[in-house]
Amino acid sequence: MNLLVYTVPDFAKEIKTAKDNVYILCDLGIIKTMSFGSRGKTISVYEAERFLKENAGRDFTKIVEDEKKRRKLIEESTNIVEMRERR
């Protein structure tokens, strides 16, 4: 059976990175996903090939790390607001 789509964890395994990194690239629109109800995000084999061809040799480390920092700041500021509201 030919593989037509990857789950995010499967694609991450194929390209030897953490699934969180792939989710970030998907959320940023760098990797385009599809969704089929409860199955979650999937990446077509054609999108996987496009991503790999167009980004050969590119380093996504800074993009991913910056997004992780941004998300952590949002989470921390949300926690501060919630703590203040409880007072």
Protein backbone atom coordinates (compact mmCIF):
# COMPACT_ATOMS: atom_id res chain seq x y z
CA MET A 1 0.00 0.00 0.00
CA ASN A 2 1.37 3.41 -0.97
CA LEU A 3 1.52 6.11 1.65
CA LEU A 4 -0.52 9.17 0.61
CA VAL A 5 -0.34 11.14 3.86
CA TYR A 6 1.89 11.39 6.89
CA THR A 7 0.74 12.11 10.39
CA VAL A 8 2.82 14.86 11.96
CA PRO A 9 4.67 12.39 14.24
CA ASP A 10 5.40 10.10 11.27
CA PHE A 11 6.73 12.98 9.15
CA ALA A 12 8.85 14.19 12.06
CA LYS A 13 10.34 10.72 12.35
CA GLU A 14 11.07 10.65 8.61
CA ILE A 15 12.98 13.93 8.71
CA LYS A 16 14.59 13.11 12.07
CA THR A 17 13.25 15.94 14.21
CA ALA A 18 10.87 16.34 17.13
CA LYS A 19 7.18 16.32 16.33
CA ASP A 20 6.84 19.66 18.17
CA ASN A 21 9.15 21.21 15.58
CA VAL A 22 6.93 19.95 12.74
CA TYR A 23 3.78 21.18 14.51
CA ILE A 24 5.39 24.63 14.76
CA LEU A 25 6.28 24.66 11.05
CA CYS A 26 2.69 23.62 10.30
CA ASP A 27 1.23 26.31 12.57
CA LEU A 28 3.44 28.91 10.85
CA GLY A 29 2.21 27.75 7.44
CA ILE A 30 5.63 26.58 6.31
CA ILE A 31 4.27 23.06 5.97
CA LYS A 32 0.69 22.88 4.71
CA THR A 33 -1.57 20.34 6.39
CA MET A 34 -4.95 18.75 5.88
CA SER A 35 -7.41 17.66 8.52
CA PHE A 36 -9.93 14.86 8.42
CA GLY A 37 -12.02 15.19 11.56
CA SER A 38 -10.63 13.54 14.66
CA ARG A 39 -7.55 12.26 12.87
CA GLY A 40 -5.70 15.53 13.38
CA LYS A 41 -3.27 17.20 11.04
CA THR A 42 -1.91 15.20 8.13
CA ILE A 43 0.70 16.09 5.53
CA SER A 44 0.25 14.82 2.00
CA VAL A 45 3.18 13.07 0.40
CA TYR A 46 3.15 15.82 -2.25
CA GLU A 47 3.39 18.55 0.40
CA ALA A 48 6.18 16.64 2.14
CA GLU A 49 8.11 16.46 -1.14
CA ARG A 50 7.48 20.16 -1.87
CA PHE A 51 8.68 21.17 1.58
CA LEU A 52 11.83 19.07 1.33
CA LYS A 53 12.69 20.23 -2.20
CA GLU A 54 12.07 23.93 -1.56
CA ASN A 55 13.92 23.96 1.74
CA ALA A 56 16.90 21.71 1.06
CA GLY A 57 19.85 23.02 3.06
CA ARG A 58 17.75 25.50 5.06
CA ASP A 59 18.20 25.68 8.84
CA PHE A 60 14.91 26.06 10.72
CA THR A 61 16.53 26.13 14.17
CA LYS A 62 16.12 29.87 14.74
CA ILE A 63 12.55 29.94 13.40
CA VAL A 64 11.50 27.08 15.67
CA GLU A 65 13.34 28.41 18.74
CA ASP A 66 11.90 31.92 18.27
CA GLU A 67 8.39 30.50 18.01
CA LYS A 68 8.91 28.39 21.15
CA LYS A 69 10.06 31.52 23.02
CA ARG A 70 7.07 33.49 21.73
CA ARG A 71 4.66 30.77 22.86
CA LYS A 72 6.29 30.56 26.28
CA LEU A 73 5.96 34.34 26.73
CA ILE A 74 2.28 34.17 25.78
CA GLU A 75 1.73 31.32 28.23
CA GLU A 76 3.53 33.18 31.02
CA SER A 77 1.62 36.41 30.41
CA THR A 78 -1.67 34.48 30.35
CA ASN A 79 -0.77 32.88 33.69
CA ILE A 80 0.03 36.29 35.19
CA VAL A 81 -3.29 37.71 34.02
CA GLU A 82 -5.16 34.71 35.46
CA MET A 83 -3.35 35.07 38.79
CA ARG A 84 -4.25 38.76 38.96
CA GLU A 85 -7.89 38.03 38.16
CA ARG A 86 -8.10 35.52 41.02
CA ARG A 87 -7.12 38.18 43.57
